[in-house]
Structure formats: structure tokens, C-alpha cells
């Protein structure tokens, strides 16, 4: 079963844009922002500034994946 893609309007780098992501990625972004004591807008701006991907939605998915991969490595360590 596929997760529904949700399109949301957000502020990234001071500019309003819309991003389409699966709900699980939106939830993960919120969790990561809370763990870093920041908000999603700031986190999205950081991802946007440092991305290698041409597509912001892909860069966000990659960021979330890498975040949880690193967390898994640390718990195994």
C-alpha cells in the first residue's frame, strides 16, 4: 500500500513554496526539527542550502533517510 503524497505550503529561505512529500516524511521532518530544537522552516532552509539533489522533495527524502540511518548506526555502535 502506498502512502499518499501531501502537498504543503512552506517557507524555505524566506520564500513561500509548496513541497509534495509522503505523510511519513512530513512526520519525520517534524520529529527531526523537534530533536534539533528548531522548526520545520529552519530545517527545510538548511536542507535547501546544502542539497546536492536538483529537486527539493528528493533532497528532503534523502536527508530524512540519512538522519535515521545515522541514528541506527549510533544505537548499534
PDB file of N, CA and C in Angstrom:
ATOM      1  N   UNK A   1       0.840  -1.181   0.000  1.00  0.00           N
ATOM      2  CA  UNK A   1       0.000   0.000   0.000  1.00  0.00           C
ATOM      3  C   UNK A   1       0.886   1.245   0.000  1.00  0.00           C
ATOM      4  N   UNK A   2       0.581   2.177  -0.859  1.00  0.00           N
ATOM      5  CA  UNK A   2       1.381   3.377  -0.994  1.00  0.00           C
ATOM      6  C   UNK A   2       0.860   4.477  -0.077  1.00  0.00           C
ATOM      7  N   UNK A   3       1.794   5.254   0.458  1.00  0.00           N
ATOM      8  CA  UNK A   3       1.445   6.397   1.275  1.00  0.00           C
ATOM      9  C   UNK A   3       1.024   7.552   0.367  1.00  0.00           C
ATOM     10  N   UNK A   4       0.008   8.266   0.760  1.00  0.00           N
ATOM     11  CA  UNK A   4      -0.466   9.396  -0.035  1.00  0.00           C
ATOM     12  C   UNK A   4       0.536  10.545   0.031  1.00  0.00           C
ATOM     13  N   UNK A   5       0.733  11.178  -1.103  1.00  0.00           N
ATOM     14  CA  UNK A   5       1.602  12.347  -1.165  1.00  0.00           C
ATOM     15  C   UNK A   5       0.783  13.553  -0.734  1.00  0.00           C
ATOM     16  N   UNK A   6       1.377  14.342   0.169  1.00  0.00           N
ATOM     17  CA  UNK A   6       0.706  15.522   0.702  1.00  0.00           C
ATOM     18  C   UNK A   6       1.481  16.749   0.257  1.00  0.00           C
ATOM     19  N   UNK A   7       0.781  17.716  -0.326  1.00  0.00           N
ATOM     20  CA  UNK A   7       1.407  18.958  -0.772  1.00  0.00           C
ATOM     21  C   UNK A   7       1.134  20.033   0.278  1.00  0.00           C
ATOM     22  N   UNK A   8       2.216  20.683   0.737  1.00  0.00           N
ATOM     23  CA  UNK A   8       2.068  21.710   1.761  1.00  0.00           C
ATOM     24  C   UNK A   8       2.800  22.966   1.341  1.00  0.00           C
ATOM     25  N   UNK A   9       2.239  24.096   1.736  1.00  0.00           N
ATOM     26  CA  UNK A   9       2.911  25.376   1.524  1.00  0.00           C
ATOM     27  C   UNK A   9       3.811  25.628   2.723  1.00  0.00           C
ATOM     28  N   UNK A  10       5.062  25.980   2.446  1.00  0.00           N
ATOM     29  CA  UNK A  10       6.053  26.205   3.497  1.00  0.00           C
ATOM     30  C   UNK A  10       6.909  27.417   3.137  1.00  0.00           C
ATOM     31  N   UNK A  11       7.656  27.880   4.129  1.00  0.00           N
ATOM     32  CA  UNK A  11       8.624  28.951   3.918  1.00  0.00           C
ATOM     33  C   UNK A  11      10.008  28.307   3.911  1.00  0.00           C
ATOM     34  N   UNK A  12      10.741  28.503   2.817  1.00  0.00           N
ATOM     35  CA  UNK A  12      12.095  27.961   2.687  1.00  0.00           C
ATOM     36  C   UNK A  12      13.007  29.108   2.289  1.00  0.00           C
ATOM     37  N   UNK A  13      13.961  29.419   3.150  1.00  0.00           N
ATOM     38  CA  UNK A  13      14.882  30.509   2.850  1.00  0.00           C
ATOM     39  C   UNK A  13      14.174  31.843   2.687  1.00  0.00           C
ATOM     40  N   UNK A  14      13.096  32.044   3.439  1.00  0.00           N
ATOM     41  CA  UNK A  14      12.355  33.292   3.381  1.00  0.00           C
ATOM     42  C   UNK A  14      11.363  33.388   2.240  1.00  0.00           C
ATOM     43  N   UNK A  15      11.232  32.333   1.441  1.00  0.00           N
ATOM     44  CA  UNK A  15      10.321  32.340   0.305  1.00  0.00           C
ATOM     45  C   UNK A  15       9.254  31.266   0.472  1.00  0.00           C
ATOM     46  N   UNK A  16       8.028  31.613   0.130  1.00  0.00           N
ATOM     47  CA  UNK A  16       6.937  30.652   0.202  1.00  0.00           C
ATOM     48  C   UNK A  16       7.007  29.732  -1.020  1.00  0.00           C
ATOM     49  N   UNK A  17       6.886  28.441  -0.767  1.00  0.00           N
ATOM     50  CA  UNK A  17       6.881  27.445  -1.843  1.00  0.00           C
ATOM     51  C   UNK A  17       5.994  26.293  -1.420  1.00  0.00           C
ATOM     52  N   UNK A  18       5.742  25.383  -2.313  1.00  0.00           N
ATOM     53  CA  UNK A  18       4.982  24.194  -1.945  1.00  0.00           C
ATOM     54  C   UNK A  18       5.853  22.967  -2.197  1.00  0.00           C
ATOM     55  N   UNK A  19       5.721  22.005  -1.301  1.00  0.00           N
ATOM     56  CA  UNK A  19       6.515  20.776  -1.361  1.00  0.00           C
ATOM     57  C   UNK A  19       5.566  19.592  -1.245  1.00  0.00           C
ATOM     58  N   UNK A  20       5.770  18.605  -2.105  1.00  0.00           N
ATOM     59  CA  UNK A  20       4.969  17.385  -2.071  1.00  0.00           C
ATOM     60  C   UNK A  20       5.806  16.252  -1.511  1.00  0.00           C
ATOM     61  N   UNK A  21       5.337  15.692  -0.392  1.00  0.00           N
ATOM     62  CA  UNK A  21       6.009  14.574   0.268  1.00  0.00           C
ATOM     63  C   UNK A  21       4.966  13.614   0.830  1.00  0.00           C
ATOM     64  N   UNK A  22       5.356  12.378   0.988  1.00  0.00           N
ATOM     65  CA  UNK A  22       4.512  11.418   1.669  1.00  0.00           C
ATOM     66  C   UNK A  22       4.361  11.847   3.129  1.00  0.00           C
ATOM     67  N   UNK A  23       3.221  11.511   3.718  1.00  0.00           N
ATOM     68  CA  UNK A  23       2.939  11.929   5.088  1.00  0.00           C
ATOM     69  C   UNK A  23       4.023  11.465   6.067  1.00  0.00           C
ATOM     70  N   UNK A  24       4.576  10.291   5.847  1.00  0.00           N
ATOM     71  CA  UNK A  24       5.623   9.780   6.748  1.00  0.00           C
ATOM     72  C   UNK A  24       6.850  10.706   6.755  1.00  0.00           C
ATOM     73  N   UNK A  25       7.162  11.308   5.621  1.00  0.00           N
ATOM     74  CA  UNK A  25       8.293  12.233   5.571  1.00  0.00           C
ATOM     75  C   UNK A  25       7.977  13.549   6.271  1.00  0.00           C
ATOM     76  N   UNK A  26       6.737  14.028   6.151  1.00  0.00           N
ATOM     77  CA  UNK A  26       6.356  15.229   6.884  1.00  0.00           C
ATOM     78  C   UNK A  26       6.456  14.981   8.391  1.00  0.00           C
ATOM     79  N   UNK A  27       5.974  13.836   8.831  1.00  0.00           N
ATOM     80  CA  UNK A  27       6.043  13.488  10.251  1.00  0.00           C
ATOM     81  C   UNK A  27       7.491  13.409  10.706  1.00  0.00           C
ATOM     82  N   UNK A  28       8.338  12.777   9.912  1.00  0.00           N
ATOM     83  CA  UNK A  28       9.757  12.646  10.246  1.00  0.00           C
ATOM     84  C   UNK A  28      10.441  14.003  10.307  1.00  0.00           C
ATOM     85  N   UNK A  29      10.125  14.888   9.371  1.00  0.00           N
ATOM     86  CA  UNK A  29      10.711  16.237   9.395  1.00  0.00           C
ATOM     87  C   UNK A  29      10.374  16.954  10.695  1.00  0.00           C
ATOM     88  N   UNK A  30       9.131  16.851  11.120  1.00  0.00           N
ATOM     89  CA  UNK A  30       8.715  17.482  12.373  1.00  0.00           C
ATOM     90  C   UNK A  30       9.484  16.894  13.550  1.00  0.00           C
ATOM     91  N   UNK A  31       9.644  15.569  13.582  1.00  0.00           N
ATOM     92  CA  UNK A  31      10.376  14.910  14.661  1.00  0.00           C
ATOM     93  C   UNK A  31      11.839  15.362  14.686  1.00  0.00           C
ATOM     94  N   UNK A  32      12.455  15.444  13.521  1.00  0.00           N
ATOM     95  CA  UNK A  32      13.851  15.859  13.438  1.00  0.00           C
ATOM     96  C   UNK A  32      13.994  17.309  13.894  1.00  0.00           C
ATOM     97  N   UNK A  33      13.080  18.169  13.466  1.00  0.00           N
ATOM     98  CA  UNK A  33      13.128  19.576  13.882  1.00  0.00           C
ATOM     99  C   UNK A  33      13.027  19.687  15.398  1.00  0.00           C
ATOM    100  N   UNK A  34      12.112  18.956  15.999  1.00  0.00           N
ATOM    101  CA  UNK A  34      11.970  18.978  17.455  1.00  0.00           C
ATOM    102  C   UNK A  34      13.247  18.485  18.131  1.00  0.00           C
ATOM    103  N   UNK A  35      13.840  17.417  17.604  1.00  0.00           N
ATOM    104  CA  UNK A  35      15.063  16.871  18.205  1.00  0.00           C
ATOM    105  C   UNK A  35      16.219  17.854  18.113  1.00  0.00           C
ATOM    106  N   UNK A  36      16.175  18.761  17.149  1.00  0.00           N
ATOM    107  CA  UNK A  36      17.217  19.789  16.974  1.00  0.00           C
ATOM    108  C   UNK A  36      16.816  21.117  17.604  1.00  0.00           C
ATOM    109  N   UNK A  37      15.685  21.124  18.278  1.00  0.00           N
ATOM    110  CA  UNK A  37      15.140  22.315  18.931  1.00  0.00           C
ATOM    111  C   UNK A  37      15.009  23.482  17.955  1.00  0.00           C
ATOM    112  N   UNK A  38      14.404  23.195  16.817  1.00  0.00           N
ATOM    113  CA  UNK A  38      14.150  24.208  15.796  1.00  0.00           C
ATOM    114  C   UNK A  38      12.783  23.959  15.192  1.00  0.00           C
ATOM    115  N   UNK A  39      12.460  24.644  14.116  1.00  0.00           N
ATOM    116  CA  UNK A  39      11.179  24.402  13.450  1.00  0.00           C
ATOM    117  C   UNK A  39      11.412  23.894  12.033  1.00  0.00           C
ATOM    118  N   UNK A  40      10.352  23.436  11.405  1.00  0.00           N
ATOM    119  CA  UNK A  40      10.464  22.837  10.069  1.00  0.00           C
ATOM    120  C   UNK A  40      10.963  23.829   9.027  1.00  0.00           C
ATOM    121  N   UNK A  41      10.580  25.077   9.143  1.00  0.00           N
ATOM    122  CA  UNK A  41      11.012  26.075   8.169  1.00  0.00           C
ATOM    123  C   UNK A  41      12.528  26.249   8.190  1.00  0.00           C
ATOM    124  N   UNK A  42      13.101  26.321   9.378  1.00  0.00           N
ATOM    125  CA  UNK A  42      14.553  26.446   9.509  1.00  0.00           C
ATOM    126  C   UNK A  42      15.235  25.191   8.979  1.00  0.00           C
ATOM    127  N   UNK A  43      14.717  24.026   9.343  1.00  0.00           N
ATOM    128  CA  UNK A  43      15.289  22.761   8.884  1.00  0.00           C
ATOM    129  C   UNK A  43      15.208  22.652   7.364  1.00  0.00           C
ATOM    130  N   UNK A  44      14.082  23.006   6.783  1.00  0.00           N
ATOM    131  CA  UNK A  44      13.932  22.959   5.324  1.00  0.00           C
ATOM    132  C   UNK A  44      14.910  23.911   4.637  1.00  0.00           C
ATOM    133  N   UNK A  45      15.143  25.073   5.235  1.00  0.00           N
ATOM    134  CA  UNK A  45      16.114  26.024   4.669  1.00  0.00           C
ATOM    135  C   UNK A  45      17.517  25.438   4.695  1.00  0.00           C
ATOM    136  N   UNK A  46      17.874  24.760   5.787  1.00  0.00           N
ATOM    137  CA  UNK A  46      19.190  24.117   5.884  1.00  0.00           C
ATOM    138  C   UNK A  46      19.340  23.022   4.825  1.00  0.00           C
ATOM    139  N   UNK A  47      18.298  22.223   4.651  1.00  0.00           N
ATOM    140  CA  UNK A  47      18.332  21.164   3.638  1.00  0.00           C
ATOM    141  C   UNK A  47      18.478  21.780   2.254  1.00  0.00           C
ATOM    142  N   UNK A  48      17.721  22.839   1.990  1.00  0.00           N
ATOM    143  CA  UNK A  48      17.764  23.500   0.690  1.00  0.00           C
ATOM    144  C   UNK A  48      19.155  24.065   0.398  1.00  0.00           C
ATOM    145  N   UNK A  49      19.776  24.688   1.380  1.00  0.00           N
ATOM    146  CA  UNK A  49      21.097  25.290   1.193  1.00  0.00           C
ATOM    147  C   UNK A  49      22.180  24.257   0.921  1.00  0.00           C
ATOM    148  N   UNK A  50      22.057  23.085   1.524  1.00  0.00           N
ATOM    149  CA  UNK A  50      23.109  22.085   1.411  1.00  0.00           C
ATOM    150  C   UNK A  50      22.834  20.959   0.431  1.00  0.00           C
ATOM    151  N   UNK A  51      21.758  21.066  -0.302  1.00  0.00           N
ATOM    152  CA  UNK A  51      21.361  19.923  -1.127  1.00  0.00           C
ATOM    153  C   UNK A  51      22.215  19.744  -2.374  1.00  0.00           C
ATOM    154  N   UNK A  52      22.378  18.455  -2.730  1.00  0.00           N
ATOM    155  CA  UNK A  52      23.034  18.050  -3.967  1.00  0.00           C
ATOM    156  C   UNK A  52      21.996  17.690  -5.022  1.00  0.00           C
ATOM    157  N   UNK A  53      20.794  17.370  -4.563  1.00  0.00           N
ATOM    158  CA  UNK A  53      19.697  16.966  -5.442  1.00  0.00           C
ATOM    159  C   UNK A  53      19.114  18.197  -6.134  1.00  0.00           C
ATOM    160  N   UNK A  54      18.749  18.076  -7.411  1.00  0.00           N
ATOM    161  CA  UNK A  54      18.124  19.218  -8.074  1.00  0.00           C
ATOM    162  C   UNK A  54      16.689  19.462  -7.596  1.00  0.00           C
ATOM    163  N   UNK A  55      16.060  18.439  -7.054  1.00  0.00           N
ATOM    164  CA  UNK A  55      14.678  18.507  -6.612  1.00  0.00           C
ATOM    165  C   UNK A  55      14.640  18.569  -5.084  1.00  0.00           C
ATOM    166  N   UNK A  56      13.999  19.598  -4.535  1.00  0.00           N
ATOM    167  CA  UNK A  56      13.966  19.766  -3.085  1.00  0.00           C
ATOM    168  C   UNK A  56      13.262  18.613  -2.390  1.00  0.00           C
ATOM    169  N   UNK A  57      12.174  18.121  -2.945  1.00  0.00           N
ATOM    170  CA  UNK A  57      11.478  16.989  -2.312  1.00  0.00           C
ATOM    171  C   UNK A  57      12.384  15.769  -2.212  1.00  0.00           C
ATOM    172  N   UNK A  58      13.160  15.513  -3.251  1.00  0.00           N
ATOM    173  CA  UNK A  58      14.118  14.391  -3.215  1.00  0.00           C
ATOM    174  C   UNK A  58      15.197  14.636  -2.171  1.00  0.00           C
ATOM    175  N   UNK A  59      15.663  15.866  -2.073  1.00  0.00           N
ATOM    176  CA  UNK A  59      16.690  16.201  -1.083  1.00  0.00           C
ATOM    177  C   UNK A  59      16.165  15.994   0.332  1.00  0.00           C
ATOM    178  N   UNK A  60      14.909  16.316   0.554  1.00  0.00           N
ATOM    179  CA  UNK A  60      14.305  16.125   1.877  1.00  0.00           C
ATOM    180  C   UNK A  60      14.210  14.638   2.199  1.00  0.00           C
ATOM    181  N   UNK A  61      13.753  13.849   1.247  1.00  0.00           N
ATOM    182  CA  UNK A  61      13.680  12.398   1.476  1.00  0.00           C
ATOM    183  C   UNK A  61      15.058  11.835   1.800  1.00  0.00           C
ATOM    184  N   UNK A  62      16.068  12.256   1.061  1.00  0.00           N
ATOM    185  CA  UNK A  62      17.441  11.801   1.282  1.00  0.00           C
ATOM    186  C   UNK A  62      17.929  12.209   2.671  1.00  0.00           C
ATOM    187  N   UNK A  63      17.639  13.446   3.067  1.00  0.00           N
ATOM    188  CA  UNK A  63      18.026  13.941   4.385  1.00  0.00           C
ATOM    189  C   UNK A  63      17.406  13.103   5.491  1.00  0.00           C
ATOM    190  N   UNK A  64      16.106  12.831   5.376  1.00  0.00           N
ATOM    191  CA  UNK A  64      15.410  12.040   6.397  1.00  0.00           C
ATOM    192  C   UNK A  64      15.991  10.629   6.459  1.00  0.00           C
ATOM    193  N   UNK A  65      16.226  10.018   5.322  1.00  0.00           N
ATOM    194  CA  UNK A  65      16.820   8.685   5.285  1.00  0.00           C
ATOM    195  C   UNK A  65      18.176   8.677   5.974  1.00  0.00           C
ATOM    196  N   UNK A  66      19.030   9.629   5.621  1.00  0.00           N
ATOM    197  CA  UNK A  66      20.372   9.688   6.219  1.00  0.00           C
ATOM    198  C   UNK A  66      20.313   9.949   7.717  1.00  0.00           C
ATOM    199  N   UNK A  67      19.369  10.769   8.163  1.00  0.00           N
ATOM    200  CA  UNK A  67      19.219  11.047   9.589  1.00  0.00           C
ATOM    201  C   UNK A  67      18.933   9.761  10.360  1.00  0.00           C
ATOM    202  N   UNK A  68      17.971   8.980   9.867  1.00  0.00           N
ATOM    203  CA  UNK A  68      17.603   7.755  10.569  1.00  0.00           C
ATOM    204  C   UNK A  68      18.639   6.643  10.388  1.00  0.00           C
ATOM    205  N   UNK A  69      19.348   6.628   9.283  1.00  0.00           N
ATOM    206  CA  UNK A  69      20.454   5.673   9.120  1.00  0.00           C
ATOM    207  C   UNK A  69      21.547   5.962  10.147  1.00  0.00           C
ATOM    208  N   UNK A  70      21.874   7.233  10.320  1.00  0.00           N
ATOM    209  CA  UNK A  70      22.899   7.619  11.300  1.00  0.00           C
ATOM    210  C   UNK A  70      22.452   7.266  12.710  1.00  0.00           C
ATOM    211  N   UNK A  71      21.201   7.504  13.018  1.00  0.00           N
ATOM    212  CA  UNK A  71      20.672   7.170  14.335  1.00  0.00           C
ATOM    213  C   UNK A  71      20.774   5.659  14.578  1.00  0.00           C
ATOM    214  N   UNK A  72      20.465   4.846  13.551  1.00  0.00           N
ATOM    215  CA  UNK A  72      20.548   3.394  13.664  1.00  0.00           C
ATOM    216  C   UNK A  72      21.991   2.962  13.899  1.00  0.00           C
ATOM    217  N   UNK A  73      22.937   3.576  13.191  1.00  0.00           N
ATOM    218  CA  UNK A  73      24.361   3.248  13.391  1.00  0.00           C
ATOM    219  C   UNK A  73      24.807   3.564  14.814  1.00  0.00           C
ATOM    220  N   UNK A  74      24.340   4.681  15.347  1.00  0.00           N
ATOM    221  CA  UNK A  74      24.727   5.074  16.698  1.00  0.00           C
ATOM    222  C   UNK A  74      24.172   4.122  17.744  1.00  0.00           C
ATOM    223  N   UNK A  75      22.984   3.598  17.530  1.00  0.00           N
ATOM    224  CA  UNK A  75      22.407   2.686  18.520  1.00  0.00           C
ATOM    225  C   UNK A  75      23.047   1.302  18.448  1.00  0.00           C
ATOM    226  N   UNK A  76      23.580   0.960  17.277  1.00  0.00           N
ATOM    227  CA  UNK A  76      24.286  -0.326  17.142  1.00  0.00           C
ATOM    228  C   UNK A  76      25.684  -0.266  17.734  1.00  0.00           C
ATOM    229  N   UNK A  77      26.269   0.947  17.695  1.00  0.00           N
ATOM    230  CA  UNK A  77      27.647   1.191  17.992  1.00  0.00           C
ATOM    231  C   UNK A  77      28.201   0.782  19.269  1.00  0.00           C
TER     232      UNK A  77
END
